[in-house]
Protein backbone atom coordinates (compact mmCIF):
# COMPACT_ATOMS: atom_id res chain seq x y z
CA MET A 1 109.87 55.99 169.47
CA ALA A 2 109.51 56.58 166.14
CA ASN A 3 111.83 56.59 162.94
CA GLN A 4 112.02 59.75 160.84
CA GLU A 5 109.83 59.61 157.30
CA ILE A 6 111.78 60.20 153.78
CA ILE A 7 110.05 62.26 151.38
CA ASN A 8 110.42 60.08 148.05
CA ILE A 9 111.84 62.88 145.78
CA GLY A 10 112.43 60.68 142.63
CA THR A 11 115.15 60.29 140.42
CA LEU A 12 114.52 63.56 138.00
CA PRO A 13 111.95 66.48 138.53
CA ASN A 14 108.37 65.24 136.89
CA ASP A 15 109.32 61.91 136.63
CA GLY A 16 106.32 60.60 138.52
CA GLU A 17 108.64 58.12 140.67
CA GLY A 18 108.38 60.30 144.10
CA ASP A 19 105.90 60.56 146.80
CA PRO A 20 102.58 61.99 145.65
CA LEU A 21 101.55 65.25 147.91
CA ARG A 22 99.21 63.75 150.13
CA VAL A 23 101.80 60.93 151.11
CA ALA A 24 104.86 63.60 151.41
CA PHE A 25 102.37 65.88 153.63
CA GLY A 26 101.53 62.93 155.93
CA LYS A 27 105.06 62.29 156.30
CA ILE A 28 106.30 65.67 157.44
CA ASN A 29 103.30 65.96 159.56
CA ASN A 30 104.43 62.45 161.24
CA ASN A 31 108.04 63.72 161.25
CA PHE A 32 106.77 67.08 163.17
CA SER A 33 104.37 64.67 165.42
CA ASN A 34 107.59 63.04 166.38
CA LEU A 35 109.66 66.34 167.17
CA PHE A 36 107.06 67.76 169.51
CA ALA A 37 106.79 64.76 171.57
CA THR A 38 110.14 64.95 172.67
CA ALA A 39 110.19 66.47 176.39
CA VAL A 40 112.68 69.86 177.18
CA SER A 41 112.88 70.92 180.97
CA GLU A 42 115.73 72.51 183.03
CA SER A 43 116.32 71.99 186.51
CA THR A 44 118.98 72.77 189.55
CA ALA A 45 120.46 70.88 192.16
CA ASN A 46 122.89 71.65 194.82
CA THR A 47 124.96 68.92 196.25
CA VAL A 48 127.03 69.02 199.26
CA GLY A 49 130.63 67.29 200.59
CA SER A 50 132.32 64.90 198.35
CA ASP A 51 130.60 62.23 198.46
CA PRO A 52 130.16 59.91 195.28
CA GLY A 53 127.11 59.49 193.77
CA GLN A 54 125.24 62.52 194.30
CA VAL A 55 121.79 62.56 192.38
CA ILE A 56 121.45 66.08 190.03
CA PHE A 57 118.61 64.82 187.64
CA GLU A 58 116.39 61.82 187.80
CA THR A 59 113.41 61.05 185.13
CA PRO A 60 111.37 57.98 184.70
CA ALA A 61 113.43 55.13 183.58
CA ASN A 62 109.75 53.42 181.89
CA THR A 63 109.06 56.63 179.67
CA PHE A 64 112.64 56.98 178.69
CA THR A 65 114.20 55.66 175.39
CA ASN A 66 117.34 58.21 174.77
CA GLY A 67 118.21 61.91 175.63
CA GLN A 68 120.67 64.74 175.34
CA PHE A 69 121.61 66.23 179.00
CA THR A 70 123.65 69.48 179.39
CA VAL A 71 125.03 70.56 182.60
CA TYR A 72 124.91 74.02 181.80
CA THR A 73 127.25 74.45 185.25
CA SER A 74 128.74 73.03 188.41
CA ASN A 75 130.29 75.90 189.78
CA ASN A 76 131.41 76.07 193.36
CA SER A 77 130.39 79.19 195.59
CA ASN A 78 133.10 79.33 197.28
CA SER A 79 135.50 80.60 194.11
CA LEU A 80 135.20 81.13 190.52
CA ASN A 81 136.04 77.26 189.93
CA SER A 82 133.08 75.78 187.31
CA GLN A 83 132.82 73.01 184.55
CA SER A 84 129.78 71.81 182.06
CA ILE A 85 129.36 69.12 180.07
CA GLN A 86 127.25 67.66 176.96
CA LEU A 87 125.95 64.17 177.63
CA ASN A 88 123.69 61.73 175.19
CA ALA A 89 122.44 58.73 177.10
CA GLN A 90 120.57 55.37 175.86
CA ILE A 91 118.71 53.10 178.13
CA SER A 92 118.52 49.49 177.85
CA PRO A 93 115.70 47.90 176.25
CA ASP A 94 114.73 46.09 179.33
CA LYS A 95 115.26 49.89 181.12
CA THR A 96 117.33 48.17 183.66
CA THR A 97 120.70 49.77 182.25
CA VAL A 98 121.84 53.64 180.93
CA ARG A 99 124.92 54.17 178.63
CA PHE A 100 126.18 57.54 178.18
CA THR A 101 128.76 59.43 176.43
CA GLY A 102 130.10 62.78 178.09
CA TYR A 103 131.66 65.60 175.15
CA GLY A 104 131.96 68.87 175.16
CA THR A 105 133.58 69.26 178.60
CA SER A 106 134.28 73.27 179.70
CA ILE A 107 136.33 73.76 182.86
CA LEU A 108 136.95 76.89 184.05
CA GLY A 109 140.20 76.50 187.29
CA THR A 110 139.50 73.64 188.74
CA PRO A 111 138.13 70.76 188.11
CA LEU A 112 134.34 69.96 190.31
CA VAL A 113 133.32 66.57 189.42
CA ASN A 114 133.09 63.51 187.71
CA TYR A 115 129.65 62.68 185.94
CA ASP A 116 127.41 59.17 185.84
CA MET A 117 124.51 57.99 185.19
CA ASP A 118 122.34 54.49 186.31
CA VAL A 119 118.91 53.14 186.55
CA VAL A 120 117.60 52.94 190.40
CA SER A 121 114.27 52.23 191.63
CA GLY A 122 112.98 52.72 187.89
CA ASN A 123 114.84 56.07 186.82
CA VAL A 124 117.37 57.02 185.23
CA ARG A 125 119.77 59.16 186.79
CA LEU A 126 122.44 61.83 186.58
CA LEU A 127 125.22 61.94 189.30
CA ILE A 128 128.05 64.04 190.18
CA ASN A 129 130.99 62.52 192.14
CA PRO A 130 132.46 66.13 193.85
CA LEU A 131 136.00 66.48 193.42
CA VAL A 132 135.80 69.20 196.03
CA SER A 133 133.84 69.10 199.64
CA ASP A 134 132.15 72.31 198.80
CA ASP A 135 128.76 73.46 198.45
CA LEU A 136 128.12 73.04 194.43
CA THR A 137 125.21 74.11 192.36
CA HIS A 138 124.53 72.14 189.29
CA ILE A 139 122.28 73.67 186.51
CA VAL A 140 120.88 70.74 184.36
CA GLY A 141 119.09 70.84 180.64
CA SER A 142 117.83 67.71 179.20
CA GLN A 143 115.89 67.00 176.23
CA GLY A 144 114.92 63.27 176.13
CA LEU A 145 112.83 61.64 173.57
CA GLN A 146 110.33 59.19 175.42
CA GLY A 147 108.43 55.91 174.61
């Protein structure tokens, strides 16, 4: 993954210390290229029963560096219960472990699931551990930086 390139604007206006225009616009182009290299996707997964570790999203670990995931909803068709969460994830340099932080959890009614992530068979996986035995639907949005 490439780093953001900061444009040197100098100390004072027109002091001659900043980047020349050609260099500055080269940095701008590189920053936009990095931005557009980001993959964005949305998917729907259904889970059944209360078995832990049900996969609701999967992506190849060899192209994943870090990403943001939003479970827009995990909902129960038999009730009005639903929940959502945002996750930030990063994979280890050897592509064997993924670390994540969950935040912004929103629950309507009774909690339905706990979330987890792992790397198995060369894939980064987003998992749920149901707290109910009903059929659940999960809508997952992901934005992953690939490298």
